Amino acid sequence: MMLKHFARRVALIGVAALSLVAGAAAVAAETESAVARGGRLYDKWFAENKAAKPAADHPGYTVKDGKYGKDASWRCKECHGWDYRGKDGAYAKGGHATGIKGIQGAAGKDPAAIAALLRDKTHGYSEAQLSAKDAGDLALFVSKGQIDMTRYLDAANKAKGNAGKGEVYFNTLCAGCHGVDGKKLKDAPPLGSVADNGAEMLHKIINGQPAEAMPALRALDHQIAADIAVHLVSLPK
């Protein structure tokens, strides 16, 4: 009788443990969803959250009257870069160079503290621009969603990977919307024409395109995204 009672208790403990594991997995999955949304806000928040497009340069934008001013200057990627390295990465020179540091130093920091920084004088995002949820998701991305781009890009900002595998991934995961030639979407440029920016392609493949139904491949091995990015370069312009 005692053995039967003991076995029952063990079984109940096992069920409880499995429930906890399943619950933790569900929370992790939901966190990944929020992180991916934060990545899309980092890309172009006013497209993702349907907020009003800024009409003047961001106060902290250092390239006055530059080519990428006005609403573009309010995009996080414009100052901190698609590779998250700011002045130390691909935006160290050229028309996007602002001299502003990247966000790598914020990786692993408290998301609440990062969200608070979005409201400070330097960043200046109002609640009309980024709601509390928006700020929270963006902060989650900065804290937990950055990848080490140097693992997947070469010194020329080109993706490193297997083009053959990338073609298979693209044709099975992406071509339904983009077409095998990358030209199926009539309201977007051919993928081959924008594929040279490896960091941008990786960011979008992993997190999705703002305000679009494009799936985010964040939960998959990031090398899959890199392989797809390598294949994109071969598509027609």
Protein backbone atom coordinates (compact mmCIF):
# COMPACT_ATOMS: atom_id res chain seq x y z
CA MET A 1 0.00 0.00 0.00
CA MET A 2 2.82 2.34 0.95
CA LEU A 3 4.65 1.54 -2.30
CA LYS A 4 1.48 2.27 -4.26
CA HIS A 5 1.06 5.61 -2.46
CA PHE A 6 4.73 6.46 -3.06
CA ALA A 7 4.46 5.64 -6.76
CA ARG A 8 1.39 7.84 -7.04
CA ARG A 9 3.22 10.75 -5.41
CA VAL A 10 6.17 10.30 -7.77
CA ALA A 11 3.81 10.28 -10.73
CA LEU A 12 2.12 13.48 -9.52
CA ILE A 13 5.50 15.16 -9.02
CA GLY A 14 6.49 14.10 -12.53
CA VAL A 15 3.32 15.59 -14.00
CA ALA A 16 3.89 18.82 -12.07
CA ALA A 17 7.48 19.00 -13.31
CA LEU A 18 6.39 18.47 -16.90
CA SER A 19 3.78 21.19 -16.50
CA LEU A 20 6.42 23.59 -15.21
CA VAL A 21 8.72 22.77 -18.14
CA ALA A 22 5.87 23.24 -20.61
CA GLY A 23 4.92 26.52 -18.95
CA ALA A 24 8.50 27.75 -19.07
CA ALA A 25 8.71 26.82 -22.74
CA ALA A 26 5.50 28.74 -23.46
CA VAL A 27 6.85 31.82 -21.64
CA ALA A 28 10.13 31.55 -23.57
CA ALA A 29 8.24 31.29 -26.85
CA GLU A 30 6.17 34.35 -26.03
CA THR A 31 9.32 36.23 -25.07
CA GLU A 32 10.83 35.37 -28.47
CA SER A 33 7.72 36.77 -30.14
CA ALA A 34 8.06 40.03 -28.18
CA VAL A 35 11.80 40.20 -28.94
CA ALA A 36 11.11 39.78 -32.67
CA ARG A 37 8.51 42.56 -32.51
CA GLY A 38 11.10 44.69 -30.74
CA GLY A 39 13.44 44.02 -33.66
CA ARG A 40 10.81 45.31 -36.06
CA LEU A 41 10.34 48.42 -33.92
CA TYR A 42 14.13 48.92 -34.01
CA ASP A 43 13.84 48.77 -37.79
CA LYS A 44 10.92 51.17 -38.31
CA TRP A 45 8.72 51.63 -35.25
CA PHE A 46 6.20 53.99 -36.89
CA ALA A 47 5.42 51.36 -39.51
CA GLU A 48 5.15 48.51 -37.01
CA ASN A 49 2.92 50.33 -34.50
CA LYS A 50 1.11 52.61 -36.99
CA ALA A 51 2.19 55.76 -35.13
CA ALA A 52 2.43 59.13 -36.85
CA LYS A 53 5.56 59.46 -38.96
CA PRO A 54 7.98 62.07 -37.50
CA ALA A 55 8.14 65.24 -39.58
CA ALA A 56 11.46 66.64 -38.34
CA ASP A 57 14.94 65.32 -37.64
CA HIS A 58 15.49 63.53 -34.34
CA PRO A 59 17.10 66.02 -31.91
CA GLY A 60 20.06 63.68 -31.46
CA TYR A 61 20.63 63.10 -35.18
CA THR A 62 24.10 64.44 -35.91
CA VAL A 63 23.95 64.67 -39.71
CA LYS A 64 21.94 67.86 -40.11
CA ASP A 65 20.17 68.21 -43.45
CA GLY A 66 21.59 64.82 -44.34
CA LYS A 67 20.17 62.41 -46.88
CA TYR A 68 18.70 60.19 -44.18
CA GLY A 69 17.10 62.83 -41.97
CA LYS A 70 13.47 63.52 -41.02
CA ASP A 71 11.50 60.36 -40.21
CA ALA A 72 14.46 58.09 -41.04
CA SER A 73 16.54 59.75 -38.32
CA TRP A 74 14.04 58.46 -35.72
CA ARG A 75 14.65 54.83 -36.70
CA CYS A 76 16.93 53.13 -34.17
CA LYS A 77 18.87 51.41 -36.93
CA GLU A 78 19.77 54.77 -38.50
CA CYS A 79 22.09 55.72 -35.66
CA HIS A 80 22.92 52.35 -34.12
CA GLY A 81 23.17 50.34 -37.35
CA TRP A 82 21.72 47.13 -38.70
CA ASP A 83 24.70 45.39 -37.09
CA TYR A 84 24.01 47.13 -33.72
CA ARG A 85 27.60 48.46 -33.66
CA GLY A 86 26.93 52.10 -34.59
CA LYS A 87 30.13 54.07 -35.24
CA ASP A 88 32.21 50.91 -34.84
CA GLY A 89 30.37 48.91 -37.50
CA ALA A 90 29.14 49.28 -41.06
CA TYR A 91 27.99 52.85 -40.33
CA ALA A 92 31.50 53.94 -39.37
CA LYS A 93 31.66 55.84 -42.65
CA GLY A 94 29.47 56.82 -45.58
CA GLY A 95 26.14 58.60 -45.75
CA HIS A 96 24.78 56.83 -42.66
CA ALA A 97 27.74 57.71 -40.40
CA THR A 98 26.61 59.63 -37.32
CA GLY A 99 29.44 58.93 -34.88
CA ILE A 100 26.93 57.45 -32.43
CA LYS A 101 27.85 54.27 -30.58
CA GLY A 102 25.98 51.01 -31.00
CA ILE A 103 23.69 49.16 -28.62
CA GLN A 104 25.93 46.19 -27.90
CA GLY A 105 26.82 47.57 -24.49
CA ALA A 106 23.16 47.29 -23.46
CA ALA A 107 22.94 43.57 -24.22
CA GLY A 108 21.89 41.67 -21.09
CA LYS A 109 20.85 44.78 -19.17
CA ASP A 110 17.53 45.17 -17.37
CA PRO A 111 14.86 45.75 -20.03
CA ALA A 112 13.01 48.13 -17.69
CA ALA A 113 16.10 50.34 -17.46
CA ILE A 114 16.48 50.29 -21.25
CA ALA A 115 12.81 51.20 -21.69
CA ALA A 116 13.34 54.16 -19.35
CA LEU A 117 16.24 55.36 -21.52
CA LEU A 118 13.89 55.57 -24.50
CA ARG A 119 12.04 58.36 -22.66
CA ASP A 120 15.12 60.36 -21.64
CA LYS A 121 16.36 63.59 -23.22
CA THR A 122 18.76 61.81 -25.55
CA HIS A 123 16.20 59.49 -27.13
CA GLY A 124 13.05 61.49 -26.50
CA TYR A 125 10.36 59.00 -27.54
CA SER A 126 6.92 60.02 -26.31
CA GLU A 127 4.15 57.60 -25.38
CA ALA A 128 2.34 58.68 -28.54
CA GLN A 129 5.32 57.38 -30.50
CA LEU A 130 6.13 54.30 -28.43
CA SER A 131 3.52 52.95 -26.03
CA ALA A 132 4.58 51.18 -22.83
CA LYS A 133 4.29 47.84 -24.65
CA ASP A 134 6.28 49.17 -27.62
CA ALA A 135 9.03 50.43 -25.32
CA GLY A 136 9.01 47.13 -23.46
CA ASP A 137 9.32 45.04 -26.62
CA LEU A 138 12.04 47.27 -28.05
CA ALA A 139 13.93 47.09 -24.75
CA LEU A 140 13.61 43.28 -24.77
CA PHE A 141 15.15 43.21 -28.22
CA VAL A 142 18.07 45.41 -27.15
CA SER A 143 18.63 43.34 -24.00
CA LYS A 144 18.01 39.82 -25.28
CA GLY A 145 17.63 39.91 -29.05
CA GLN A 146 20.94 41.12 -30.45
CA ILE A 147 23.02 38.58 -32.33
CA ASP A 148 26.74 38.75 -32.94
CA MET A 149 26.67 39.83 -36.57
CA THR A 150 30.41 39.24 -36.93
CA ARG A 151 29.70 35.49 -36.79
CA TYR A 152 27.54 35.69 -39.91
CA LEU A 153 29.04 38.60 -41.88
CA ASP A 154 32.44 39.21 -43.39
CA ALA A 155 34.40 42.47 -43.20
CA ALA A 156 32.55 43.76 -46.28
CA ASN A 157 29.12 43.29 -44.64
CA LYS A 158 28.34 40.25 -46.80
CA ALA A 159 26.60 37.23 -45.29
CA LYS A 160 28.68 34.10 -44.74
CA GLY A 161 27.01 30.77 -45.38
CA ASN A 162 25.97 28.06 -47.79
CA ALA A 163 24.15 29.43 -50.84
CA GLY A 164 22.82 25.99 -51.79
CA LYS A 165 21.20 25.49 -48.41
CA GLY A 166 19.99 29.08 -48.52
CA GLU A 167 18.20 28.43 -51.80
CA VAL A 168 16.36 25.45 -50.30
CA TYR A 169 15.39 27.44 -47.21
CA PHE A 170 14.27 30.40 -49.30
CA ASN A 171 12.25 28.33 -51.76
CA THR A 172 10.41 26.51 -48.97
CA LEU A 173 10.05 29.31 -46.40
CA CYS A 174 10.01 32.58 -48.33
CA ALA A 175 9.21 32.07 -52.01
CA GLY A 176 5.48 31.62 -51.39
CA CYS A 177 5.27 35.39 -50.85
CA HIS A 178 8.44 36.66 -52.54
CA GLY A 179 8.57 34.29 -55.52
CA VAL A 180 11.62 32.19 -56.33
CA ASP A 181 13.09 35.21 -58.14
CA GLY A 182 12.38 37.61 -55.25
CA LYS A 183 10.17 39.80 -57.46
CA LYS A 184 6.66 38.62 -56.63
CA LEU A 185 5.77 41.47 -54.24
CA LYS A 186 4.78 44.41 -56.42
CA ASP A 187 4.94 46.98 -53.61
CA ALA A 188 8.52 46.08 -52.66
CA PRO A 189 11.84 46.21 -54.52
CA PRO A 190 13.26 42.97 -55.93
CA LEU A 191 15.11 41.21 -53.12
CA GLY A 192 18.20 40.91 -55.27
CA SER A 193 18.42 44.70 -55.50
CA VAL A 194 18.70 45.17 -51.71
CA ALA A 195 20.54 42.00 -50.75
CA ASP A 196 24.03 43.53 -50.68
CA ASN A 197 23.42 44.89 -47.17
CA GLY A 198 24.06 41.66 -45.30
CA ALA A 199 23.32 43.02 -41.83
CA GLU A 200 19.97 44.46 -42.92
CA MET A 201 18.97 41.19 -44.57
CA LEU A 202 19.91 39.19 -41.46
CA HIS A 203 18.00 41.54 -39.18
CA LYS A 204 14.85 41.35 -41.30
CA ILE A 205 15.01 37.58 -41.88
CA ILE A 206 15.40 36.97 -38.16
CA ASN A 207 12.84 39.52 -36.91
CA GLY A 208 10.49 40.05 -39.87
CA GLN A 209 9.48 43.14 -41.83
CA PRO A 210 7.66 45.92 -39.94
CA ALA A 211 3.88 45.91 -40.42
CA GLU A 212 4.01 42.90 -42.74
CA ALA A 213 2.97 39.27 -42.33
CA MET A 214 6.52 38.12 -42.98
CA PRO A 215 7.46 35.35 -40.50
CA ALA A 216 10.35 35.97 -38.12
CA LEU A 217 12.89 33.13 -38.16
CA ARG A 218 14.31 34.11 -34.77
CA ALA A 219 13.56 30.73 -33.18
CA LEU A 220 15.64 28.89 -35.80
CA ASP A 221 19.40 28.54 -35.97
CA HIS A 222 20.66 31.96 -37.11
CA GLN A 223 22.90 30.27 -39.66
CA ILE A 224 19.72 29.48 -41.61
CA ALA A 225 19.09 33.23 -41.90
CA ALA A 226 22.69 33.75 -43.01
CA ASP A 227 22.39 31.01 -45.65
CA ILE A 228 19.20 32.65 -46.97
CA ALA A 229 20.97 36.03 -47.05
CA VAL A 230 23.79 34.51 -49.11
CA HIS A 231 21.26 33.14 -51.61
CA LEU A 232 19.48 36.51 -51.88
CA VAL A 233 22.57 38.07 -53.44
CA SER A 234 22.20 35.73 -56.42
CA LEU A 235 18.60 36.81 -57.15
CA PRO A 236 17.93 39.14 -60.08
CA LYS A 237 17.90 42.86 -59.44
